[in-house]
N, C-alpha and C. Protein backbone atom coordinates (compact mmCIF):
# COMPACT_ATOMS: atom_id res chain seq x y z
N MET A 1 0.73 -1.21 0.03
CA MET A 1 -0.02 -0.12 -0.15
C MET A 1 0.65 1.01 0.22
N SER A 2 0.66 2.51 -0.11
CA SER A 2 1.19 3.73 -0.41
C SER A 2 1.00 4.37 0.86
N SER A 3 2.01 5.06 0.88
CA SER A 3 1.68 5.81 2.33
C SER A 3 0.62 6.56 2.45
N GLU A 4 0.28 7.22 1.62
CA GLU A 4 -1.35 7.64 2.10
C GLU A 4 -2.51 6.86 2.52
N GLN A 5 -2.16 5.58 1.48
CA GLN A 5 -3.12 4.21 2.00
C GLN A 5 -3.26 3.99 3.53
N GLN A 6 -2.06 3.46 3.59
CA GLN A 6 -1.88 3.81 5.36
C GLN A 6 -1.66 4.66 6.14
N ALA A 7 -1.52 5.63 5.96
CA ALA A 7 -2.35 6.66 7.26
C ALA A 7 -3.49 6.99 6.97
N ALA A 8 -4.70 6.99 6.00
CA ALA A 8 -5.86 6.84 5.90
C ALA A 8 -6.65 5.40 6.63
N LEU A 9 -5.95 4.43 6.66
CA LEU A 9 -6.46 3.10 7.10
C LEU A 9 -5.91 3.28 8.51
N ALA A 10 -5.20 3.94 8.86
CA ALA A 10 -4.48 3.90 10.17
C ALA A 10 -5.26 5.27 11.25
N THR A 11 -5.74 5.92 10.54
CA THR A 11 -6.96 6.97 10.72
C THR A 11 -8.28 6.48 11.09
N ILE A 12 -8.53 5.39 10.60
CA ILE A 12 -9.80 4.89 10.42
C ILE A 12 -10.01 3.82 11.50
N PHE A 13 -9.43 2.74 11.05
CA PHE A 13 -9.09 1.89 12.49
C PHE A 13 -8.57 2.10 13.86
N GLN A 14 -7.21 2.83 13.46
CA GLN A 14 -6.86 3.00 14.99
C GLN A 14 -5.95 2.21 15.30
N ASP A 15 -6.14 1.71 16.93
CA ASP A 15 -4.90 0.61 17.35
C ASP A 15 -5.99 -0.76 16.98
N ARG A 16 -6.69 -1.12 16.40
CA ARG A 16 -7.02 -2.31 15.59
C ARG A 16 -6.14 -3.28 15.81
N ASP A 17 -6.13 -4.82 16.33
CA ASP A 17 -5.05 -6.03 16.16
C ASP A 17 -5.53 -6.16 14.21
N ALA A 18 -6.75 -6.18 14.26
CA ALA A 18 -7.00 -6.87 12.66
C ALA A 18 -8.52 -6.48 12.20
N ILE A 19 -8.45 -6.22 10.71
CA ILE A 19 -10.06 -5.66 10.41
C ILE A 19 -9.89 -7.27 9.49
N ALA A 20 -11.43 -6.73 9.03
CA ALA A 20 -12.12 -7.26 8.10
C ALA A 20 -12.04 -6.99 6.49
N VAL A 21 -11.48 -7.93 5.73
CA VAL A 21 -11.72 -7.30 4.55
C VAL A 21 -12.29 -7.80 3.52
N TRP A 22 -12.58 -7.35 2.54
CA TRP A 22 -13.67 -8.32 1.35
C TRP A 22 -12.75 -8.11 0.01
N GLY A 23 -12.57 -8.71 -1.01
CA GLY A 23 -12.35 -8.69 -2.23
C GLY A 23 -13.21 -9.30 -3.18
N VAL A 24 -13.06 -8.91 -4.45
CA VAL A 24 -13.30 -9.19 -5.53
C VAL A 24 -12.58 -9.54 -6.70
N THR A 25 -12.34 -10.79 -7.73
CA THR A 25 -11.68 -10.62 -8.62
C THR A 25 -12.32 -9.50 -9.76
N PRO A 26 -11.90 -9.44 -10.96
CA PRO A 26 -12.28 -8.50 -11.75
C PRO A 26 -13.71 -8.80 -12.61
N GLY A 27 -13.63 -10.68 -12.77
CA GLY A 27 -14.76 -11.33 -13.58
C GLY A 27 -14.99 -10.86 -14.89
N ASN A 28 -15.72 -11.83 -15.75
CA ASN A 28 -16.15 -11.66 -16.82
C ASN A 28 -16.01 -10.06 -17.51
N ALA A 29 -15.33 -9.45 -18.35
CA ALA A 29 -15.46 -8.32 -18.77
C ALA A 29 -15.32 -7.09 -17.72
N ASN A 30 -14.99 -7.31 -17.00
CA ASN A 30 -14.55 -6.56 -15.38
C ASN A 30 -16.13 -6.07 -14.95
N VAL A 31 -17.04 -7.36 -14.79
CA VAL A 31 -18.23 -7.30 -14.31
C VAL A 31 -18.47 -6.74 -12.86
N ASN A 32 -17.11 -7.21 -12.11
CA ASN A 32 -17.04 -7.04 -10.64
C ASN A 32 -16.52 -5.85 -10.63
N VAL A 33 -15.17 -5.25 -11.31
CA VAL A 33 -14.77 -3.77 -10.97
C VAL A 33 -15.83 -3.09 -11.16
N ARG A 34 -16.75 -2.90 -12.07
CA ARG A 34 -18.14 -2.02 -12.21
C ARG A 34 -18.94 -2.15 -10.69
N LYS A 35 -19.16 -3.31 -10.16
CA LYS A 35 -19.89 -3.18 -8.88
C LYS A 35 -19.12 -2.89 -7.65
N TRP A 36 -17.72 -2.78 -8.04
CA TRP A 36 -16.84 -2.76 -6.93
C TRP A 36 -16.45 -0.98 -7.16
N GLU A 37 -16.69 -0.32 -8.04
CA GLU A 37 -16.57 1.15 -8.13
C GLU A 37 -17.83 1.90 -7.78
N ARG A 38 -18.99 1.39 -7.47
CA ARG A 38 -20.41 1.97 -7.12
C ARG A 38 -20.46 1.71 -5.36
N VAL A 39 -19.36 0.96 -4.99
CA VAL A 39 -19.57 0.67 -3.31
C VAL A 39 -18.54 2.03 -2.98
N ASP A 40 -19.59 2.72 -1.59
CA ASP A 40 -18.73 3.51 -1.03
C ASP A 40 -18.54 3.55 0.69
N PRO A 41 -17.71 4.05 1.35
CA PRO A 41 -17.66 4.50 2.55
C PRO A 41 -19.10 4.18 3.05
N GLY A 42 -19.39 3.06 4.35
CA GLY A 42 -20.69 3.94 4.85
C GLY A 42 -21.91 2.93 4.17
N ASP A 43 -21.94 2.22 3.42
CA ASP A 43 -22.83 1.79 2.78
C ASP A 43 -22.44 0.37 3.14
N THR A 44 -23.87 -0.61 3.43
CA THR A 44 -23.97 -2.03 3.89
C THR A 44 -23.35 -3.00 2.57
N ALA A 45 -22.61 -3.85 2.84
CA ALA A 45 -22.59 -4.62 2.47
C ALA A 45 -23.23 -6.20 2.93
N LEU A 46 -23.62 -6.63 1.95
CA LEU A 46 -24.50 -8.38 2.50
C LEU A 46 -23.79 -9.15 1.74
N PHE A 47 -23.57 -10.34 2.23
CA PHE A 47 -23.23 -11.43 1.86
C PHE A 47 -24.63 -12.68 1.73
N SER A 48 -23.97 -12.89 0.45
CA SER A 48 -25.30 -14.17 0.39
C SER A 48 -24.26 -15.04 -0.45
N ARG A 49 -25.13 -16.49 -0.58
CA ARG A 49 -24.61 -17.77 -0.78
C ARG A 49 -26.15 -18.78 -1.06
N GLU A 50 -26.38 -19.15 -1.86
CA GLU A 50 -27.14 -19.82 -2.34
C GLU A 50 -28.98 -19.73 -1.92
N GLY A 51 -28.36 -17.72 -2.45
CA GLY A 51 -29.92 -17.22 -2.31
C GLY A 51 -30.55 -16.67 -0.72
N HIS A 52 -29.53 -17.05 0.28
CA HIS A 52 -29.57 -16.64 1.18
C HIS A 52 -28.49 -15.96 1.51
N ILE A 53 -29.12 -14.55 2.41
CA ILE A 53 -27.96 -13.61 3.28
C ILE A 53 -27.46 -14.19 4.65
N PHE A 54 -25.99 -14.26 4.45
CA PHE A 54 -25.62 -14.95 5.60
C PHE A 54 -24.60 -13.92 6.45
N ALA A 55 -24.38 -12.70 5.75
CA ALA A 55 -23.39 -11.74 6.88
C ALA A 55 -23.99 -10.72 6.38
N SER A 56 -23.37 -9.94 7.38
CA SER A 56 -23.49 -7.88 6.28
C SER A 56 -22.52 -7.22 7.58
N ALA A 57 -22.22 -6.44 6.52
CA ALA A 57 -20.96 -5.26 7.37
C ALA A 57 -21.15 -3.85 6.61
N SER A 58 -20.85 -3.31 7.28
CA SER A 58 -20.64 -1.41 6.98
C SER A 58 -19.05 -1.29 6.39
N VAL A 59 -19.23 -0.99 5.15
CA VAL A 59 -17.93 -0.50 4.70
C VAL A 59 -17.33 0.94 5.22
N ALA A 60 -15.62 0.60 5.90
CA ALA A 60 -15.46 1.20 6.60
C ALA A 60 -14.11 2.31 5.33
N ALA A 61 -13.89 1.36 4.42
CA ALA A 61 -12.68 2.22 3.41
C ALA A 61 -12.81 1.29 2.16
N LYS A 62 -12.31 1.94 1.09
CA LYS A 62 -11.79 1.24 -0.23
C LYS A 62 -10.82 1.69 -0.80
N ILE A 63 -9.67 0.70 -0.94
CA ILE A 63 -8.75 0.72 -1.44
C ILE A 63 -8.32 -0.40 -2.99
N ARG A 64 -7.30 0.23 -3.83
CA ARG A 64 -7.05 -0.48 -4.90
C ARG A 64 -5.32 -0.46 -4.56
N SER A 65 -4.83 -1.76 -4.16
CA SER A 65 -3.54 -2.31 -3.83
C SER A 65 -3.26 -3.86 -4.10
N GLU A 66 -2.88 -4.00 -5.32
CA GLU A 66 -2.04 -5.12 -6.25
C GLU A 66 -1.50 -5.81 -5.21
N ALA A 67 -0.55 -5.23 -4.68
CA ALA A 67 0.70 -5.84 -3.74
C ALA A 67 -0.14 -6.54 -2.46
N LEU A 68 -1.33 -5.82 -1.93
CA LEU A 68 -1.87 -6.05 -0.70
C LEU A 68 -2.74 -7.67 -1.20
N ASP A 69 -3.15 -7.22 -2.19
CA ASP A 69 -4.34 -8.44 -2.53
C ASP A 69 -3.68 -9.20 -2.71
N GLU A 70 -2.74 -9.14 -3.39
CA GLU A 70 -1.82 -10.90 -3.59
C GLU A 70 -1.43 -11.44 -2.51
N SER A 71 -0.79 -10.34 -1.32
CA SER A 71 -0.71 -10.71 -0.14
C SER A 71 -1.27 -11.77 0.32
N LEU A 72 -2.78 -11.25 0.61
CA LEU A 72 -3.73 -11.82 1.14
C LEU A 72 -4.56 -13.12 0.35
N TRP A 73 -4.52 -13.06 -0.68
CA TRP A 73 -5.49 -13.92 -1.10
C TRP A 73 -4.25 -14.70 -2.53
N ASP A 74 -3.30 -14.13 -2.79
CA ASP A 74 -3.02 -14.52 -4.05
C ASP A 74 -3.39 -14.57 -5.50
N ARG A 75 -3.04 -15.30 -6.52
CA ARG A 75 -4.03 -14.89 -7.63
C ARG A 75 -4.85 -16.14 -8.04
N ASN A 76 -5.92 -16.36 -8.91
CA ASN A 76 -6.62 -17.32 -9.18
C ASN A 76 -5.68 -17.89 -10.10
N SER A 77 -7.09 -19.02 -11.31
CA SER A 77 -6.18 -19.74 -12.14
C SER A 77 -6.23 -18.50 -13.12
N GLU A 78 -6.78 -18.08 -13.28
CA GLU A 78 -7.04 -16.88 -14.59
C GLU A 78 -5.77 -15.53 -14.38
N GLY A 79 -4.98 -15.52 -13.10
CA GLY A 79 -4.15 -14.87 -12.70
C GLY A 79 -4.51 -13.53 -12.49
N GLU A 80 -5.24 -13.48 -12.21
CA GLU A 80 -6.24 -12.25 -11.53
C GLU A 80 -6.24 -12.44 -9.91
N THR A 81 -6.02 -11.22 -9.14
CA THR A 81 -5.97 -10.65 -7.93
C THR A 81 -7.02 -9.94 -8.12
N CYS A 82 -7.27 -9.74 -6.81
CA CYS A 82 -8.75 -9.17 -5.91
C CYS A 82 -8.73 -7.77 -5.91
N VAL A 83 -9.78 -6.64 -5.45
CA VAL A 83 -9.60 -5.47 -5.20
C VAL A 83 -10.58 -5.57 -4.03
N VAL A 84 -9.94 -5.07 -3.13
CA VAL A 84 -10.06 -5.11 -1.63
C VAL A 84 -11.30 -3.98 -1.24
N VAL A 85 -11.99 -4.34 -0.55
CA VAL A 85 -13.34 -3.32 0.35
C VAL A 85 -12.87 -3.61 1.85
């Protein structure tokens, strides 16, 4: 992450030992990137599987860092890494 991204996250999360993160791969024709671009801090994220919502969270920050993404999730079989929320 850049020093600016680190400073912004330090301000938001202060002295927490850990934070929850979520990421998406770009998907076909970048469909997930377009969805990610519509997410803003303060939004509520709903996580679903098989037609059921199993978790929710409030988006506190949003960054793009390929190095961070790769260190958290590596790359998929297509060589893609994630976008972090």
